[in-house]
Amino acid sequence: MYLSSPYTVLEILRFMVFMPLIHLSQSHCFQRFPATTKPVAVLFGAYSDVMQITTERLILRPWKHGDSAEAESLFRYASDPEIGIRCGWMPHRNVAESMNTLNNVFTGDENYAITLRDGEDNPIGAIELKKAEPGDHAGEFVQEAIDSHSLFDGVDENKLERALAHYNGDRVLGYWIGRPFWGQGMMTEALRSMLRHAFVDLGCNAVWGGHYAENPASGKVMGRCGMRAVCRKDGDYFPLIDRSYDAILRVIMKEEWERSADKASNQEKPIDCSAMQAGKQR
C-alpha cells in the first residue's frame, strides 16, 4: 500500500481517503481492449473528461457511484488497517461507510478505480492525479526545503524552483492497492500509465508525490517510475488518525520523463528512507 503526499484534513478526504471521479450511472459500463504492452486511454462515452486507461494487466476506470458491488469491493480492501493507516485515514468500518465514500468523496476529475483486466471488474485499489493548488502541503514543504537549503544532495534547487512556479497547473499523485496485490508490480504499472497520461494528455509540467519515510515500498514504486526524492518533512501531523509521520517528497518533471528512451524503464536506485535525516540533507 502506498501513500502519496502529506495533506490537510480536507485534502486527505478529497484525495487519499479514496480517489474520486465524475459521477456515472451504472449503465455506463467498461470497454475491454486487445492485449497491449502500452497504456491505452479512451474517452468514456458522453463523459468526455473521463478516461479509461488500459495497461497490460489493469484497467483504470471511473468509479461506479451508487453501485452496491462497487462499495463491497471497496470495503474489502479499505477495511484493512494496513491500507488506511498508511494513507492517513481510518480503515472503513462497514459497507455503508464505503458507499458514502464512493458517492461523496470520489469526486476528483482524474480519480480512477484500479481493476484487473482479466478479472471481474471489481476495484482493487485507486489512483489519482489531484489538481495542485496554492497552499497544498506538497508545494509548501518543497518550498520550505528550498528556503532552508535542506534539499537532498544532488537536487537542482533552481530547477525545482522553476517547477514550483508552474505548480498550480500540475498534479499531485495519490494511490493505494489492496494487500493481496502487493509485490506484483501492479502499482508500478498503474503509475507509469498515469504519468504518461499526465504529461501527454493533461499537459503537466511536473507530477508531485510523497510517502511516509517508514514506507519505503511506496518510494520504490515512485523511484522505478522516475520520481526523484527531493526533500524530507519531519513530524507531519495526520489528524484523521491522530498520528505524525516523517514524509519524503518526490517529483518528476516533463523533460525528465521525455528524456527516457523507454519511459516505462525510468529507474532510481533503492534508497534507505530511514537514513534521510536532516544531517543527510544539504
Protein backbone atom coordinates (compact mmCIF):
# COMPACT_ATOMS: atom_id res chain seq x y z
CA MET A 1 0.00 0.00 0.00
CA TYR A 2 1.22 3.40 -0.72
CA LEU A 3 0.90 6.98 0.45
CA SER A 4 1.26 9.79 -1.97
CA SER A 5 1.75 13.02 -0.03
CA PRO A 6 1.00 14.82 3.24
CA TYR A 7 -2.26 16.78 3.31
CA THR A 8 -4.70 18.67 5.48
CA VAL A 9 -7.94 17.02 6.65
CA LEU A 10 -9.86 18.32 3.63
CA GLU A 11 -7.15 17.23 1.23
CA ILE A 12 -6.98 13.76 2.77
CA LEU A 13 -10.76 13.44 2.48
CA ARG A 14 -10.74 14.53 -1.18
CA PHE A 15 -7.57 12.78 -2.11
CA MET A 16 -6.23 9.74 -0.29
CA VAL A 17 -9.23 8.69 1.79
CA PHE A 18 -10.15 7.31 -1.56
CA MET A 19 -9.81 8.58 -5.01
CA PRO A 20 -12.74 10.47 -6.52
CA LEU A 21 -14.26 10.53 -10.02
CA ILE A 22 -17.08 12.03 -12.08
CA HIS A 23 -20.48 10.56 -11.22
CA LEU A 24 -21.57 7.93 -13.75
CA SER A 25 -24.73 5.91 -13.92
CA GLN A 26 -24.40 2.15 -13.65
CA SER A 27 -25.39 1.80 -17.30
CA HIS A 28 -22.05 3.24 -18.45
CA CYS A 29 -20.07 0.00 -18.48
CA PHE A 30 -16.45 -0.61 -19.34
CA GLN A 31 -14.98 -1.47 -22.67
CA ARG A 32 -12.37 -4.21 -22.95
CA PHE A 33 -9.39 -3.83 -25.25
CA PRO A 34 -6.99 -6.11 -27.11
CA ALA A 35 -3.78 -7.01 -25.32
CA THR A 36 -1.15 -4.31 -25.38
CA THR A 37 2.03 -3.51 -23.54
CA LYS A 38 1.39 0.24 -23.80
CA PRO A 39 -1.32 2.16 -21.92
CA VAL A 40 -4.45 2.80 -23.96
CA ALA A 41 -6.58 5.80 -22.98
CA VAL A 42 -10.10 6.37 -24.32
CA LEU A 43 -12.76 8.93 -23.58
CA PHE A 44 -15.66 7.44 -21.73
CA GLY A 45 -18.82 7.88 -23.78
CA ALA A 46 -20.67 11.15 -23.26
CA TYR A 47 -18.42 11.99 -20.32
CA SER A 48 -15.67 13.46 -22.46
CA ASP A 49 -13.49 14.40 -19.49
CA VAL A 50 -13.44 10.90 -18.04
CA MET A 51 -10.85 8.47 -19.37
CA GLN A 52 -10.35 4.76 -19.10
CA ILE A 53 -6.75 3.62 -19.22
CA THR A 54 -5.80 0.06 -20.09
CA THR A 55 -2.38 -1.46 -19.35
CA GLU A 56 -1.06 -4.99 -19.77
CA ARG A 57 -2.81 -6.30 -16.65
CA LEU A 58 -5.01 -3.45 -15.42
CA ILE A 59 -7.88 -1.18 -16.32
CA LEU A 60 -8.05 2.21 -14.62
CA ARG A 61 -11.64 3.31 -14.98
CA PRO A 62 -14.27 5.61 -13.44
CA TRP A 63 -15.88 4.66 -10.17
CA LYS A 64 -19.46 3.34 -10.34
CA HIS A 65 -21.31 5.52 -7.90
CA GLY A 66 -24.25 4.05 -6.02
CA ASP A 67 -23.26 0.52 -7.03
CA SER A 68 -23.51 -1.98 -4.15
CA ALA A 69 -20.94 -4.39 -5.63
CA GLU A 70 -18.52 -1.49 -6.06
CA ALA A 71 -18.97 -0.47 -2.42
CA GLU A 72 -18.49 -4.05 -1.22
CA SER A 73 -15.26 -4.42 -3.20
CA LEU A 74 -14.04 -1.09 -1.88
CA PHE A 75 -14.83 -2.16 1.70
CA ARG A 76 -13.00 -5.47 1.20
CA TYR A 77 -9.69 -3.64 0.83
CA ALA A 78 -10.38 -0.31 2.57
CA SER A 79 -11.22 -2.11 5.82
CA ASP A 80 -7.65 -3.43 6.01
CA PRO A 81 -5.78 -1.46 8.71
CA GLU A 82 -2.58 -1.96 6.72
CA ILE A 83 -4.10 0.22 3.97
CA GLY A 84 -5.84 3.18 5.59
CA ILE A 85 -3.38 3.99 8.35
CA ARG A 86 -0.52 4.20 5.85
CA CYS A 87 -2.57 6.63 3.78
CA GLY A 88 -3.65 8.89 6.63
CA TRP A 89 -7.25 7.70 7.14
CA MET A 90 -9.00 5.18 9.36
CA PRO A 91 -10.00 1.77 7.97
CA HIS A 92 -13.60 1.55 6.77
CA ARG A 93 -15.89 0.02 9.38
CA ASN A 94 -18.72 -1.19 7.17
CA VAL A 95 -20.01 -1.25 3.58
CA ALA A 96 -22.23 1.77 4.25
CA GLU A 97 -19.15 3.84 5.03
CA SER A 98 -17.56 2.67 1.81
CA MET A 99 -20.70 3.58 -0.13
CA ASN A 100 -20.66 7.05 1.40
CA THR A 101 -17.02 7.45 0.38
CA LEU A 102 -17.82 6.18 -3.09
CA ASN A 103 -20.64 8.68 -3.58
CA ASN A 104 -19.34 11.74 -1.74
CA VAL A 105 -15.54 11.58 -1.69
CA PHE A 106 -14.64 10.13 -5.06
CA THR A 107 -15.30 13.35 -6.97
CA GLY A 108 -11.93 14.29 -8.47
CA ASP A 109 -11.61 14.78 -12.21
CA GLU A 110 -8.67 12.37 -12.50
CA ASN A 111 -9.52 9.68 -9.97
CA TYR A 112 -9.60 6.08 -11.12
CA ALA A 113 -10.56 2.70 -9.73
CA ILE A 114 -7.85 0.12 -10.36
CA THR A 115 -9.31 -3.14 -11.68
CA LEU A 116 -7.84 -6.35 -13.09
CA ARG A 117 -8.05 -6.55 -16.85
CA ASP A 118 -8.76 -10.29 -16.71
CA GLY A 119 -10.80 -10.09 -13.52
CA GLU A 120 -14.41 -9.31 -12.62
CA ASP A 121 -14.13 -5.52 -12.92
CA ASN A 122 -14.11 -5.06 -9.14
CA PRO A 123 -11.89 -2.30 -7.71
CA ILE A 124 -8.71 -3.50 -6.04
CA GLY A 125 -7.23 -0.05 -5.46
CA ALA A 126 -7.30 3.57 -6.52
CA ILE A 127 -5.05 6.13 -8.18
CA GLU A 128 -5.49 9.87 -8.64
CA LEU A 129 -3.81 12.89 -10.16
CA LYS A 130 -5.12 15.62 -7.88
CA LYS A 131 -5.01 19.20 -9.10
CA ALA A 132 -2.21 21.07 -7.39
CA GLU A 133 -3.43 24.25 -5.70
CA PRO A 134 -1.86 27.14 -3.78
CA GLY A 135 -1.29 26.16 -0.17
CA ASP A 136 -1.04 22.42 -0.82
CA HIS A 137 1.32 20.82 1.64
CA ALA A 138 3.45 19.19 -1.04
CA GLY A 139 4.33 22.52 -2.63
CA GLU A 140 4.74 24.24 0.73
CA PHE A 141 7.08 21.58 2.08
CA VAL A 142 9.29 21.68 -1.01
CA GLN A 143 9.45 25.48 -0.88
CA GLU A 144 10.42 25.30 2.80
CA ALA A 145 13.24 22.91 1.91
CA ILE A 146 14.47 25.26 -0.82
CA ASP A 147 14.36 28.27 1.51
CA SER A 148 16.22 26.40 4.25
CA HIS A 149 18.70 24.81 1.80
CA SER A 150 17.73 21.37 3.06
CA LEU A 151 17.05 19.60 -0.23
CA PHE A 152 18.61 16.18 -0.65
CA ASP A 153 22.09 16.07 -2.16
CA GLY A 154 22.13 16.34 -5.94
CA VAL A 155 18.76 18.10 -6.26
CA ASP A 156 18.95 21.17 -8.53
CA GLU A 157 17.46 23.99 -6.44
CA ASN A 158 16.95 26.34 -9.40
CA LYS A 159 15.26 23.65 -11.47
CA LEU A 160 12.95 22.83 -8.59
CA GLU A 161 12.04 26.49 -8.13
CA ARG A 162 11.14 26.73 -11.82
CA ALA A 163 8.93 23.68 -11.41
CA LEU A 164 7.19 25.25 -8.40
CA ALA A 165 6.47 28.35 -10.49
CA HIS A 166 4.07 26.19 -12.53
CA TYR A 167 2.78 24.21 -9.53
CA ASN A 168 -0.83 25.35 -9.90
CA GLY A 169 -1.05 23.73 -13.33
CA ASP A 170 0.44 20.44 -12.19
CA ARG A 171 -0.87 17.32 -10.45
CA VAL A 172 -0.20 15.62 -7.13
CA LEU A 173 -0.18 11.84 -7.14
CA GLY A 174 -2.10 9.59 -4.76
CA TYR A 175 -2.62 5.82 -4.87
CA TRP A 176 -3.14 2.59 -2.99
CA ILE A 177 -3.74 -1.05 -3.85
CA GLY A 178 -5.15 -3.96 -1.84
CA ARG A 179 -2.74 -6.10 0.15
CA PRO A 180 -3.28 -9.30 -1.93
CA PHE A 181 -1.79 -7.43 -4.90
CA TRP A 182 1.35 -6.11 -3.23
CA GLY A 183 4.72 -7.15 -4.60
CA GLN A 184 3.49 -7.96 -8.12
CA GLY A 185 4.48 -4.76 -9.89
CA MET A 186 0.86 -3.72 -10.43
CA MET A 187 1.17 -0.36 -8.71
CA THR A 188 4.25 0.45 -10.77
CA GLU A 189 2.34 -0.49 -13.92
CA ALA A 190 -0.57 1.76 -12.97
CA LEU A 191 1.70 4.66 -12.03
CA ARG A 192 3.63 4.53 -15.30
CA SER A 193 0.41 4.74 -17.26
CA MET A 194 -0.80 7.69 -15.17
CA LEU A 195 2.45 9.58 -15.65
CA ARG A 196 2.11 9.19 -19.39
CA HIS A 197 -1.48 10.43 -19.12
CA ALA A 198 -0.35 13.40 -17.02
CA PHE A 199 2.32 14.56 -19.44
CA VAL A 200 0.77 13.59 -22.79
CA ASP A 201 -2.96 14.14 -22.22
CA LEU A 202 -3.10 16.67 -19.38
CA GLY A 203 -0.07 18.74 -20.36
CA CYS A 204 1.51 18.78 -16.89
CA ASN A 205 4.90 20.32 -16.30
CA ALA A 206 5.55 18.07 -13.29
CA VAL A 207 3.90 15.41 -11.15
CA TRP A 208 4.45 15.58 -7.39
CA GLY A 209 4.01 12.97 -4.69
CA GLY A 210 5.16 11.74 -1.30
CA HIS A 211 5.15 8.84 1.13
CA TYR A 212 5.92 8.05 4.75
CA ALA A 213 9.66 7.68 5.34
CA GLU A 214 8.90 4.38 7.04
CA ASN A 215 7.05 3.13 3.94
CA PRO A 216 9.97 2.59 1.53
CA ALA A 217 7.88 0.25 -0.66
CA SER A 218 5.91 3.25 -1.90
CA GLY A 219 9.14 5.13 -2.50
CA LYS A 220 10.46 2.26 -4.60
CA VAL A 221 7.35 2.36 -6.78
CA MET A 222 7.78 6.08 -7.41
CA GLY A 223 11.52 5.67 -7.90
CA ARG A 224 11.05 2.99 -10.55
CA CYS A 225 8.87 5.44 -12.44
CA GLY A 226 11.45 8.22 -12.28
CA MET A 227 10.02 10.24 -9.38
CA ARG A 228 13.04 11.55 -7.52
CA ALA A 229 13.16 12.18 -3.78
CA VAL A 230 13.84 15.90 -3.23
CA CYS A 231 13.32 16.58 0.47
CA ARG A 232 12.03 15.31 3.79
CA LYS A 233 9.37 16.81 6.07
CA ASP A 234 9.60 15.57 9.65
CA GLY A 235 6.66 15.23 12.02
CA ASP A 236 3.78 15.93 9.64
CA TYR A 237 0.50 15.52 11.54
CA PHE A 238 -2.39 13.46 10.14
CA PRO A 239 -5.50 14.44 12.15
CA LEU A 240 -7.78 11.67 10.86
CA ILE A 241 -5.56 9.08 12.54
CA ASP A 242 -4.08 11.41 15.19
CA ARG A 243 -0.53 10.46 14.28
CA SER A 244 2.57 12.19 12.96
CA TYR A 245 4.88 10.78 10.33
CA ASP A 246 8.00 11.89 8.53
CA ALA A 247 7.37 12.30 4.81
CA ILE A 248 9.55 12.07 1.71
CA LEU A 249 8.54 14.43 -1.13
CA ARG A 250 9.13 13.43 -4.75
CA VAL A 251 8.72 14.90 -8.23
CA ILE A 252 9.22 14.05 -11.89
CA MET A 253 9.33 16.83 -14.47
CA LYS A 254 8.10 16.57 -18.02
CA GLU A 255 11.55 16.92 -19.57
CA GLU A 256 12.84 14.13 -17.31
CA TRP A 257 10.02 11.87 -18.38
CA GLU A 258 10.59 12.73 -22.04
CA ARG A 259 14.35 12.14 -21.87
CA SER A 260 13.95 8.48 -21.10
CA ALA A 261 14.27 6.42 -24.28
CA ASP A 262 11.90 3.91 -22.73
CA LYS A 263 9.55 5.84 -20.46
CA ALA A 264 8.50 2.67 -18.68
CA SER A 265 12.08 1.92 -17.66
CA ASN A 266 12.74 5.01 -15.52
CA GLN A 267 14.75 3.70 -12.62
CA GLU A 268 16.00 5.02 -9.32
CA LYS A 269 18.40 3.17 -7.06
CA PRO A 270 16.69 1.91 -3.89
CA ILE A 271 17.08 4.38 -1.04
CA ASP A 272 17.02 3.93 2.71
CA CYS A 273 14.31 6.39 3.74
CA SER A 274 15.21 5.92 7.40
CA ALA A 275 18.62 7.39 6.62
CA MET A 276 17.13 10.53 5.13
CA GLN A 277 17.63 12.60 8.24
CA ALA A 278 18.36 16.32 8.37
CA GLY A 279 22.06 15.54 8.58
CA LYS A 280 21.89 13.76 5.23
CA GLN A 281 20.43 16.79 3.53
CA ARG A 282 22.38 19.76 2.29
